[in-house]
């Protein structure tokens, strides 16, 4: 359970840390390597505008450094993570949603 007095950014970081700790104790070596690679791309969560199909935009939280093509963001309204593709208009949601590590590993 997350502490009540955490900021939004701290809560997001705590959610990710739980996923990474669980992955690192897993017997699944692919999951462990994915977790290690994801940890290297992490950045402190920061608010960004994400574009969705239909011209909808939403304030989300970027949690990984973009690699020029993809980045992982947290969608607070939905309560889960999304994989976004970088575009000329900013991050674009591509419909890959769920745990942060799952979104990152789907690339």
N, C-alpha and C. Protein backbone atom coordinates (compact mmCIF):
# COMPACT_ATOMS: atom_id res chain seq x y z
N UNK A 1 0.84 -1.18 0.00
CA UNK A 1 0.00 0.00 0.00
C UNK A 1 0.89 1.24 0.00
N UNK A 2 0.48 2.24 -0.78
CA UNK A 2 1.28 3.46 -0.88
C UNK A 2 0.92 4.43 0.23
N UNK A 3 1.92 5.17 0.67
CA UNK A 3 1.73 6.17 1.72
C UNK A 3 0.78 7.27 1.23
N UNK A 4 -0.06 7.75 2.11
CA UNK A 4 -1.04 8.78 1.77
C UNK A 4 -0.38 10.13 1.45
N UNK A 5 0.75 10.42 2.10
CA UNK A 5 1.34 11.74 1.96
C UNK A 5 2.33 11.87 0.81
N UNK A 6 2.38 10.90 -0.09
CA UNK A 6 3.28 10.98 -1.24
C UNK A 6 2.71 11.91 -2.30
N UNK A 7 3.59 12.61 -3.00
CA UNK A 7 3.16 13.42 -4.14
C UNK A 7 2.76 12.48 -5.28
N UNK A 8 2.15 13.02 -6.31
CA UNK A 8 1.77 12.20 -7.46
C UNK A 8 3.01 11.56 -8.08
N UNK A 9 4.06 12.34 -8.27
CA UNK A 9 5.29 11.81 -8.86
C UNK A 9 5.89 10.70 -7.99
N UNK A 10 5.85 10.87 -6.67
CA UNK A 10 6.38 9.85 -5.77
C UNK A 10 5.54 8.58 -5.82
N UNK A 11 4.22 8.73 -5.95
CA UNK A 11 3.34 7.56 -6.06
C UNK A 11 3.64 6.78 -7.34
N UNK A 12 3.82 7.50 -8.43
CA UNK A 12 4.12 6.85 -9.71
C UNK A 12 5.45 6.12 -9.62
N UNK A 13 6.46 6.77 -9.05
CA UNK A 13 7.77 6.14 -8.88
C UNK A 13 7.66 4.89 -8.00
N UNK A 14 6.84 4.95 -6.96
CA UNK A 14 6.67 3.80 -6.08
C UNK A 14 6.00 2.64 -6.81
N UNK A 15 5.01 2.92 -7.65
CA UNK A 15 4.37 1.87 -8.45
C UNK A 15 5.39 1.16 -9.35
N UNK A 16 6.23 1.96 -9.98
CA UNK A 16 7.25 1.40 -10.87
C UNK A 16 8.25 0.57 -10.07
N UNK A 17 8.67 1.07 -8.93
CA UNK A 17 9.66 0.36 -8.12
C UNK A 17 9.13 -1.01 -7.68
N UNK A 18 7.86 -1.09 -7.33
CA UNK A 18 7.26 -2.37 -6.96
C UNK A 18 7.36 -3.35 -8.14
N UNK A 19 7.04 -2.88 -9.33
CA UNK A 19 7.14 -3.74 -10.52
C UNK A 19 8.57 -4.23 -10.74
N UNK A 20 9.53 -3.31 -10.59
CA UNK A 20 10.93 -3.67 -10.85
C UNK A 20 11.46 -4.65 -9.81
N UNK A 21 11.12 -4.45 -8.56
CA UNK A 21 11.57 -5.37 -7.50
C UNK A 21 10.99 -6.77 -7.75
N UNK A 22 9.70 -6.83 -8.08
CA UNK A 22 9.08 -8.13 -8.36
C UNK A 22 9.74 -8.81 -9.56
N UNK A 23 10.07 -8.03 -10.58
CA UNK A 23 10.71 -8.61 -11.77
C UNK A 23 12.11 -9.14 -11.45
N UNK A 24 12.84 -8.43 -10.60
CA UNK A 24 14.21 -8.83 -10.30
C UNK A 24 14.31 -10.10 -9.46
N UNK A 25 13.25 -10.47 -8.77
CA UNK A 25 13.27 -11.72 -8.01
C UNK A 25 12.63 -12.87 -8.79
N UNK A 26 12.20 -12.59 -9.99
CA UNK A 26 11.58 -13.60 -10.84
C UNK A 26 12.63 -14.57 -11.39
N UNK A 27 12.21 -15.78 -11.66
CA UNK A 27 13.07 -16.77 -12.30
C UNK A 27 13.17 -16.52 -13.80
N UNK A 28 12.28 -15.70 -14.34
CA UNK A 28 12.24 -15.40 -15.78
C UNK A 28 13.36 -14.44 -16.14
N UNK A 29 14.37 -14.95 -16.82
CA UNK A 29 15.55 -14.13 -17.16
C UNK A 29 15.22 -13.01 -18.15
N UNK A 30 14.28 -13.25 -19.05
CA UNK A 30 13.89 -12.21 -20.00
C UNK A 30 13.24 -11.05 -19.24
N UNK A 31 12.37 -11.37 -18.30
CA UNK A 31 11.74 -10.34 -17.48
C UNK A 31 12.78 -9.56 -16.69
N UNK A 32 13.76 -10.25 -16.14
CA UNK A 32 14.80 -9.57 -15.37
C UNK A 32 15.63 -8.64 -16.25
N UNK A 33 15.98 -9.09 -17.44
CA UNK A 33 16.75 -8.23 -18.36
C UNK A 33 15.92 -7.03 -18.82
N UNK A 34 14.64 -7.26 -19.03
CA UNK A 34 13.75 -6.16 -19.41
C UNK A 34 13.68 -5.14 -18.28
N UNK A 35 13.58 -5.61 -17.05
CA UNK A 35 13.54 -4.71 -15.89
C UNK A 35 14.84 -3.90 -15.77
N UNK A 36 15.97 -4.54 -16.00
CA UNK A 36 17.25 -3.84 -15.94
C UNK A 36 17.32 -2.76 -17.02
N UNK A 37 16.88 -3.08 -18.22
CA UNK A 37 16.90 -2.11 -19.32
C UNK A 37 15.94 -0.96 -19.03
N UNK A 38 14.77 -1.28 -18.48
CA UNK A 38 13.79 -0.25 -18.15
C UNK A 38 14.33 0.69 -17.08
N UNK A 39 14.97 0.13 -16.06
CA UNK A 39 15.53 0.96 -14.98
C UNK A 39 16.50 2.00 -15.55
N UNK A 40 17.24 1.65 -16.58
CA UNK A 40 18.22 2.58 -17.18
C UNK A 40 17.54 3.73 -17.93
N UNK A 41 16.29 3.55 -18.33
CA UNK A 41 15.60 4.61 -19.06
C UNK A 41 14.74 5.49 -18.16
N UNK A 42 14.60 5.10 -16.90
CA UNK A 42 13.71 5.85 -16.00
C UNK A 42 14.18 7.27 -15.79
N UNK A 43 13.22 8.14 -15.61
CA UNK A 43 13.46 9.54 -15.29
C UNK A 43 12.47 9.92 -14.20
N UNK A 44 12.72 10.96 -13.45
CA UNK A 44 11.72 11.39 -12.49
C UNK A 44 10.43 11.74 -13.25
N UNK A 45 9.29 11.29 -12.77
CA UNK A 45 8.04 11.58 -13.48
C UNK A 45 7.83 13.08 -13.65
N UNK A 46 7.41 13.46 -14.85
CA UNK A 46 7.09 14.87 -15.11
C UNK A 46 5.85 14.93 -15.98
N UNK A 47 5.05 15.95 -15.74
CA UNK A 47 3.80 16.09 -16.47
C UNK A 47 4.04 16.48 -17.92
N UNK A 48 3.29 15.84 -18.82
CA UNK A 48 3.36 16.15 -20.25
C UNK A 48 1.95 16.04 -20.83
N UNK A 49 1.78 16.59 -22.02
CA UNK A 49 0.52 16.46 -22.75
C UNK A 49 0.67 15.29 -23.72
N UNK A 50 -0.27 14.35 -23.66
CA UNK A 50 -0.26 13.19 -24.55
C UNK A 50 -1.44 13.30 -25.50
N UNK A 51 -1.20 12.98 -26.77
CA UNK A 51 -2.22 13.01 -27.81
C UNK A 51 -2.85 11.62 -27.95
N UNK A 52 -4.16 11.59 -28.10
CA UNK A 52 -4.90 10.36 -28.31
C UNK A 52 -5.65 10.49 -29.64
N UNK A 53 -6.04 9.36 -30.20
CA UNK A 53 -6.76 9.42 -31.47
C UNK A 53 -8.04 10.23 -31.29
N UNK A 54 -8.44 10.86 -32.37
CA UNK A 54 -9.63 11.71 -32.32
C UNK A 54 -9.33 13.13 -31.89
N UNK A 55 -8.05 13.48 -31.76
CA UNK A 55 -7.68 14.84 -31.38
C UNK A 55 -7.78 15.13 -29.90
N UNK A 56 -7.95 14.11 -29.10
CA UNK A 56 -8.05 14.28 -27.64
C UNK A 56 -6.65 14.39 -27.05
N UNK A 57 -6.49 15.28 -26.09
CA UNK A 57 -5.23 15.38 -25.35
C UNK A 57 -5.52 15.20 -23.87
N UNK A 58 -4.51 14.77 -23.15
CA UNK A 58 -4.66 14.53 -21.71
C UNK A 58 -3.32 14.79 -21.03
N UNK A 59 -3.37 15.33 -19.83
CA UNK A 59 -2.15 15.50 -19.02
C UNK A 59 -1.79 14.16 -18.42
N UNK A 60 -0.59 13.69 -18.73
CA UNK A 60 -0.09 12.43 -18.21
C UNK A 60 1.29 12.69 -17.61
N UNK A 61 1.96 11.62 -17.19
CA UNK A 61 3.27 11.75 -16.56
C UNK A 61 4.29 10.89 -17.32
N UNK A 62 5.29 11.52 -17.90
CA UNK A 62 6.37 10.79 -18.57
C UNK A 62 7.25 10.17 -17.50
N UNK A 63 7.55 8.87 -17.64
CA UNK A 63 8.36 8.18 -16.63
C UNK A 63 9.65 7.61 -17.20
N UNK A 64 9.79 7.63 -18.53
CA UNK A 64 11.02 7.12 -19.13
C UNK A 64 11.56 8.13 -20.13
N UNK A 65 12.85 8.07 -20.33
CA UNK A 65 13.47 8.90 -21.34
C UNK A 65 13.05 8.36 -22.70
N UNK A 66 12.62 9.23 -23.56
CA UNK A 66 12.28 8.79 -24.90
C UNK A 66 13.52 8.34 -25.63
N UNK A 67 13.38 7.30 -26.45
CA UNK A 67 14.52 6.83 -27.24
C UNK A 67 14.47 7.41 -28.65
N UNK A 68 13.64 8.42 -28.86
CA UNK A 68 13.47 8.99 -30.18
C UNK A 68 12.27 8.38 -30.88
N UNK A 69 11.81 7.24 -30.41
CA UNK A 69 10.65 6.58 -31.00
C UNK A 69 9.55 6.36 -29.97
N UNK A 70 9.90 5.82 -28.79
CA UNK A 70 8.90 5.46 -27.79
C UNK A 70 9.25 6.03 -26.42
N UNK A 71 8.21 6.17 -25.58
CA UNK A 71 8.39 6.48 -24.16
C UNK A 71 7.21 5.92 -23.40
N UNK A 72 7.42 5.64 -22.11
CA UNK A 72 6.36 5.14 -21.24
C UNK A 72 5.82 6.31 -20.43
N UNK A 73 4.49 6.40 -20.36
CA UNK A 73 3.83 7.45 -19.59
C UNK A 73 2.80 6.83 -18.66
N UNK A 74 2.50 7.54 -17.58
CA UNK A 74 1.45 7.12 -16.66
C UNK A 74 0.21 7.96 -16.96
N UNK A 75 -0.93 7.30 -17.09
CA UNK A 75 -2.19 7.99 -17.36
C UNK A 75 -3.01 8.01 -16.07
N UNK A 76 -3.02 9.15 -15.36
CA UNK A 76 -3.68 9.19 -14.05
C UNK A 76 -5.18 8.95 -14.10
N UNK A 77 -5.85 9.37 -15.13
CA UNK A 77 -7.30 9.14 -15.22
C UNK A 77 -7.62 7.66 -15.34
N UNK A 78 -6.77 6.93 -16.05
CA UNK A 78 -6.99 5.49 -16.23
C UNK A 78 -6.38 4.68 -15.08
N UNK A 79 -5.30 5.19 -14.50
CA UNK A 79 -4.65 4.48 -13.39
C UNK A 79 -3.67 3.42 -13.86
N UNK A 80 -3.17 3.54 -15.09
CA UNK A 80 -2.16 2.60 -15.59
C UNK A 80 -1.24 3.31 -16.58
N UNK A 81 -0.30 2.55 -17.10
CA UNK A 81 0.75 3.10 -17.97
C UNK A 81 0.39 2.89 -19.44
N UNK A 82 1.06 3.66 -20.29
CA UNK A 82 0.85 3.60 -21.72
C UNK A 82 2.19 3.72 -22.43
N UNK A 83 2.30 3.04 -23.57
CA UNK A 83 3.45 3.22 -24.44
C UNK A 83 3.05 4.24 -25.49
N UNK A 84 3.83 5.29 -25.61
CA UNK A 84 3.55 6.35 -26.59
C UNK A 84 4.66 6.39 -27.63
N UNK A 85 4.28 6.75 -28.83
CA UNK A 85 5.25 6.95 -29.90
C UNK A 85 5.49 8.46 -29.99
N UNK A 86 6.72 8.83 -30.25
CA UNK A 86 7.06 10.24 -30.40
C UNK A 86 6.56 10.71 -31.77
N UNK A 87 5.99 11.91 -31.83
CA UNK A 87 5.53 12.46 -33.09
C UNK A 87 5.89 13.94 -33.15
N UNK A 88 5.64 14.55 -34.29
CA UNK A 88 5.90 15.99 -34.43
C UNK A 88 5.03 16.81 -33.49
N UNK A 89 3.94 16.23 -33.01
CA UNK A 89 3.01 16.93 -32.14
C UNK A 89 3.13 16.52 -30.68
N UNK A 90 4.15 15.74 -30.36
CA UNK A 90 4.35 15.26 -29.00
C UNK A 90 4.01 13.79 -28.89
N UNK A 91 4.04 13.23 -27.69
CA UNK A 91 3.77 11.81 -27.49
C UNK A 91 2.35 11.45 -27.95
N UNK A 92 2.23 10.32 -28.65
CA UNK A 92 0.95 9.84 -29.16
C UNK A 92 0.68 8.45 -28.59
N UNK A 93 -0.44 8.30 -27.90
CA UNK A 93 -0.84 7.02 -27.33
C UNK A 93 -1.11 6.04 -28.48
N UNK A 94 -0.53 4.83 -28.38
CA UNK A 94 -0.72 3.83 -29.44
C UNK A 94 -1.54 2.63 -28.97
N UNK A 95 -2.16 2.74 -27.81
CA UNK A 95 -3.07 1.70 -27.35
C UNK A 95 -2.43 0.54 -26.61
N UNK A 96 -1.15 0.67 -26.25
CA UNK A 96 -0.49 -0.36 -25.44
C UNK A 96 -0.54 0.12 -24.00
N UNK A 97 -1.38 -0.53 -23.19
CA UNK A 97 -1.64 -0.08 -21.82
C UNK A 97 -1.44 -1.21 -20.83
N UNK A 98 -1.17 -0.83 -19.57
CA UNK A 98 -1.03 -1.81 -18.50
C UNK A 98 0.09 -1.44 -17.56
N UNK A 99 0.79 -2.46 -17.03
CA UNK A 99 1.92 -2.18 -16.14
C UNK A 99 3.06 -1.49 -16.91
N UNK A 100 3.85 -0.70 -16.21
CA UNK A 100 4.94 0.04 -16.85
C UNK A 100 5.92 -0.90 -17.55
N UNK A 101 6.30 -1.97 -16.88
CA UNK A 101 7.27 -2.89 -17.45
C UNK A 101 6.70 -3.61 -18.67
N UNK A 102 5.42 -3.92 -18.64
CA UNK A 102 4.77 -4.54 -19.79
C UNK A 102 4.75 -3.63 -21.00
N UNK A 103 4.46 -2.34 -20.76
CA UNK A 103 4.47 -1.38 -21.87
C UNK A 103 5.87 -1.24 -22.44
N UNK A 104 6.86 -1.09 -21.56
CA UNK A 104 8.25 -0.95 -22.01
C UNK A 104 8.69 -2.18 -22.78
N UNK A 105 8.36 -3.35 -22.29
CA UNK A 105 8.81 -4.60 -22.90
C UNK A 105 8.11 -4.94 -24.20
N UNK A 106 7.05 -4.21 -24.54
CA UNK A 106 6.34 -4.53 -25.77
C UNK A 106 6.99 -3.97 -27.02
N UNK A 107 8.03 -3.17 -26.84
CA UNK A 107 8.74 -2.60 -27.99
C UNK A 107 9.67 -3.64 -28.58
